[in-house]
């Protein structure tokens, strides 16, 4: 049950991440062109074009937060729940990227000029599908999804091997002490026990 809940949470957070980055990316593109857009992606007023640093910082922060959250769940949750979270996140983001890329390329193929942004969240999905930050974040989380369980497994194997080595060393030391005690003169053994 915990696995299903965390998998669904990964799906939800993946959708929020992709939509959020698309929202910020669309606003960054608009401000680069000298426009302010509404939540429906309609131009509301014209301003001097700027670089869109707040939007870029927001995209970077959202991507970093997504990567940290995806890697932190491996230290907090059972392995199956952490994998479900990461897989849910990746599946949702990749699906939205595919939708965004296919819509954007279809628009480029049918009309090479632009009438503005696609209205509403569909416009955000298009921009997140074209965002390199989204692509890189998905690749990093996918790598973490593969690497972290492997590293945890290797650490578990290493810890078990170390524990077995320590147990064998203790056993050898006990045998050596027993053999040494058997070779001692009974008078010396009694003397050592008394002192």
Protein backbone atom coordinates (compact mmCIF):
# COMPACT_ATOMS: atom_id res chain seq x y z
CA UNK A 1 0.00 0.00 0.00
CA UNK A 2 2.86 2.37 0.86
CA UNK A 3 4.40 1.67 -2.54
CA UNK A 4 1.18 2.61 -4.35
CA UNK A 5 0.80 5.82 -2.35
CA UNK A 6 4.38 6.91 -3.05
CA UNK A 7 4.08 5.93 -6.72
CA UNK A 8 0.98 8.11 -7.04
CA UNK A 9 2.75 10.93 -5.22
CA UNK A 10 5.58 10.64 -7.76
CA UNK A 11 3.02 10.89 -10.58
CA UNK A 12 1.46 14.00 -9.03
CA UNK A 13 4.75 15.75 -8.28
CA UNK A 14 6.05 14.92 -11.77
CA UNK A 15 3.02 16.61 -13.30
CA UNK A 16 3.38 19.63 -11.00
CA UNK A 17 7.09 19.89 -11.83
CA UNK A 18 6.54 19.74 -15.61
CA UNK A 19 3.67 22.22 -15.50
CA UNK A 20 5.58 24.56 -13.18
CA UNK A 21 8.68 24.60 -15.35
CA UNK A 22 6.54 25.10 -18.46
CA UNK A 23 4.75 27.99 -16.75
CA UNK A 24 8.05 29.67 -15.85
CA UNK A 25 9.62 28.93 -19.25
CA UNK A 26 6.68 30.51 -21.08
CA UNK A 27 6.95 33.64 -18.94
CA UNK A 28 10.72 33.77 -19.52
CA UNK A 29 10.21 33.61 -23.28
CA UNK A 30 7.54 36.31 -23.10
CA UNK A 31 9.66 38.68 -21.00
CA UNK A 32 12.60 38.13 -23.37
CA UNK A 33 10.31 39.40 -26.11
CA UNK A 34 9.05 42.32 -24.02
CA UNK A 35 5.63 40.98 -23.05
CA UNK A 36 3.86 40.13 -19.81
CA UNK A 37 1.39 37.25 -20.11
CA UNK A 38 -1.60 36.22 -18.00
CA UNK A 39 -2.27 32.75 -16.56
CA UNK A 40 -4.10 32.01 -19.81
CA UNK A 41 -0.90 32.88 -21.71
CA UNK A 42 -2.44 35.95 -23.32
CA UNK A 43 -0.27 39.06 -23.64
CA UNK A 44 -1.55 41.62 -21.13
CA UNK A 45 1.00 44.40 -21.59
CA UNK A 46 4.27 45.26 -23.26
CA UNK A 47 7.46 46.11 -21.35
CA UNK A 48 11.13 46.49 -22.10
CA UNK A 49 12.64 43.10 -22.94
CA UNK A 50 14.74 41.61 -20.13
CA UNK A 51 16.64 38.40 -19.52
CA UNK A 52 14.06 36.68 -17.29
CA UNK A 53 16.45 35.88 -14.44
CA UNK A 54 13.71 35.27 -11.83
CA UNK A 55 12.11 32.69 -14.10
CA UNK A 56 15.46 31.01 -14.76
CA UNK A 57 16.20 30.90 -11.03
CA UNK A 58 12.75 29.41 -10.43
CA UNK A 59 13.34 26.73 -13.07
CA UNK A 60 16.74 25.89 -11.58
CA UNK A 61 15.30 25.77 -8.05
CA UNK A 62 12.39 23.55 -9.10
CA UNK A 63 14.77 21.18 -10.91
CA UNK A 64 17.15 21.02 -7.96
CA UNK A 65 14.28 20.41 -5.55
CA UNK A 66 12.95 17.59 -7.76
CA UNK A 67 16.38 15.93 -7.88
CA UNK A 68 16.92 16.27 -4.13
CA UNK A 69 13.45 14.91 -3.35
CA UNK A 70 13.90 11.96 -5.70
CA UNK A 71 17.24 11.01 -4.16
CA UNK A 72 16.15 11.69 -0.56
CA UNK A 73 13.28 9.20 -0.71
CA UNK A 74 15.84 6.39 -1.04
CA UNK A 75 17.17 7.27 2.41
CA UNK A 76 13.73 7.67 4.00
CA UNK A 77 11.46 5.06 2.45
CA UNK A 78 11.68 1.34 1.81
CA UNK A 79 13.35 0.57 -1.51
CA UNK A 80 10.13 -0.46 -3.30
CA UNK A 81 8.34 2.77 -2.32
CA UNK A 82 11.33 4.90 -3.33
CA UNK A 83 11.53 3.20 -6.73
CA UNK A 84 7.77 3.65 -7.19
CA UNK A 85 8.10 7.37 -6.41
CA UNK A 86 10.99 7.85 -8.84
CA UNK A 87 9.34 5.80 -11.57
CA UNK A 88 6.05 7.66 -11.16
CA UNK A 89 7.84 11.00 -11.40
CA UNK A 90 9.77 9.95 -14.51
CA UNK A 91 6.76 8.40 -16.26
CA UNK A 92 4.65 11.53 -15.79
CA UNK A 93 7.34 13.97 -16.85
CA UNK A 94 8.34 11.90 -19.89
CA UNK A 95 4.69 11.58 -20.95
CA UNK A 96 4.19 15.34 -20.67
CA UNK A 97 7.47 16.00 -22.52
CA UNK A 98 6.31 13.73 -25.36
CA UNK A 99 2.97 15.55 -25.53
CA UNK A 100 4.71 18.93 -25.45
CA UNK A 101 7.28 18.00 -28.10
CA UNK A 102 4.70 16.47 -30.41
CA UNK A 103 2.42 19.51 -30.16
CA UNK A 104 5.30 21.94 -30.66
CA UNK A 105 6.70 20.09 -33.67
CA UNK A 106 3.22 19.77 -35.19
CA UNK A 107 2.80 23.54 -34.88
CA UNK A 108 6.21 24.17 -36.44
CA UNK A 109 5.39 21.85 -39.33
CA UNK A 110 2.02 23.45 -40.12
CA UNK A 111 2.87 27.10 -39.55
CA UNK A 112 6.30 28.63 -39.34
CA UNK A 113 5.06 31.90 -37.88
CA UNK A 114 3.56 32.30 -34.42
CA UNK A 115 0.18 33.69 -33.46
CA UNK A 116 1.22 33.70 -29.78
CA UNK A 117 1.29 31.08 -27.08
CA UNK A 118 -1.06 28.14 -26.79
CA UNK A 119 -3.63 29.10 -24.13
CA UNK A 120 -3.66 27.62 -20.63
CA UNK A 121 -1.82 24.63 -19.24
CA UNK A 122 -1.40 23.10 -22.70
CA UNK A 123 0.96 25.97 -23.51
CA UNK A 124 2.90 25.21 -20.32
CA UNK A 125 3.19 21.55 -21.35
CA UNK A 126 4.53 22.60 -24.76
CA UNK A 127 7.19 24.78 -23.17
CA UNK A 128 8.20 22.14 -20.60
CA UNK A 129 8.55 19.63 -23.44
CA UNK A 130 11.07 21.96 -25.08
CA UNK A 131 12.92 22.85 -21.86
CA UNK A 132 16.42 21.36 -21.51
CA UNK A 133 16.10 21.70 -17.72
CA UNK A 134 13.25 19.19 -17.73
CA UNK A 135 15.17 16.77 -19.95
CA UNK A 136 18.28 16.96 -17.77
CA UNK A 137 16.29 16.57 -14.55
CA UNK A 138 14.61 13.43 -15.87
CA UNK A 139 17.98 11.98 -16.89
CA UNK A 140 19.52 12.71 -13.48
CA UNK A 141 16.56 11.20 -11.62
CA UNK A 142 16.61 8.14 -13.91
CA UNK A 143 20.33 7.70 -13.21
CA UNK A 144 19.65 8.02 -9.47
CA UNK A 145 16.82 5.50 -9.78
CA UNK A 146 19.31 2.99 -11.17
CA UNK A 147 22.45 3.92 -9.23
CA UNK A 148 21.18 4.43 -5.68
CA UNK A 149 19.61 0.96 -5.26
CA UNK A 150 22.77 -0.59 -6.72
CA UNK A 151 24.96 1.38 -4.29
CA UNK A 152 22.72 0.42 -1.36
CA UNK A 153 22.92 -3.24 -2.40
CA UNK A 154 26.71 -3.03 -2.72
CA UNK A 155 26.92 -1.38 0.70
CA UNK A 156 24.75 -4.12 2.21
CA UNK A 157 26.94 -6.80 0.65
CA UNK A 158 30.06 -4.97 1.84
CA UNK A 159 28.68 -4.67 5.38
CA UNK A 160 27.77 -8.36 5.45
CA UNK A 161 31.23 -9.31 4.18
CA UNK A 162 32.86 -7.06 6.78
CA UNK A 163 30.73 -8.58 9.55
CA UNK A 164 31.68 -12.10 8.39
CA UNK A 165 35.37 -11.14 8.33
CA UNK A 166 35.18 -9.71 11.85
CA UNK A 167 33.38 -12.83 13.10
CA UNK A 168 36.04 -15.06 11.51
CA UNK A 169 38.82 -12.96 13.07
CA UNK A 170 37.18 -13.21 16.50
CA UNK A 171 36.76 -16.97 16.09
CA UNK A 172 40.41 -17.39 15.09
CA UNK A 173 41.52 -15.27 18.04
CA UNK A 174 39.40 -17.34 20.45
CA UNK A 175 40.83 -20.58 19.01
CA UNK A 176 44.38 -19.23 19.33
CA UNK A 177 43.77 -18.22 22.95
CA UNK A 178 42.28 -21.65 23.71
CA UNK A 179 45.27 -23.41 22.11
CA UNK A 180 47.66 -21.19 24.05
CA UNK A 181 45.83 -21.91 27.29
CA UNK A 182 45.98 -25.67 26.60
CA UNK A 183 49.75 -25.52 26.10
CA UNK A 184 50.41 -23.65 29.34
CA UNK A 185 51.60 -25.45 32.43
CA UNK A 186 48.64 -26.06 34.80
CA UNK A 187 50.55 -24.24 37.56
CA UNK A 188 50.96 -21.14 35.30
CA UNK A 189 47.28 -21.27 34.33
CA UNK A 190 46.28 -21.36 38.01
CA UNK A 191 48.69 -18.51 38.75
CA UNK A 192 47.26 -16.40 35.86
CA UNK A 193 43.72 -17.11 37.01
CA UNK A 194 44.54 -16.11 40.59
CA UNK A 195 46.22 -12.84 39.56
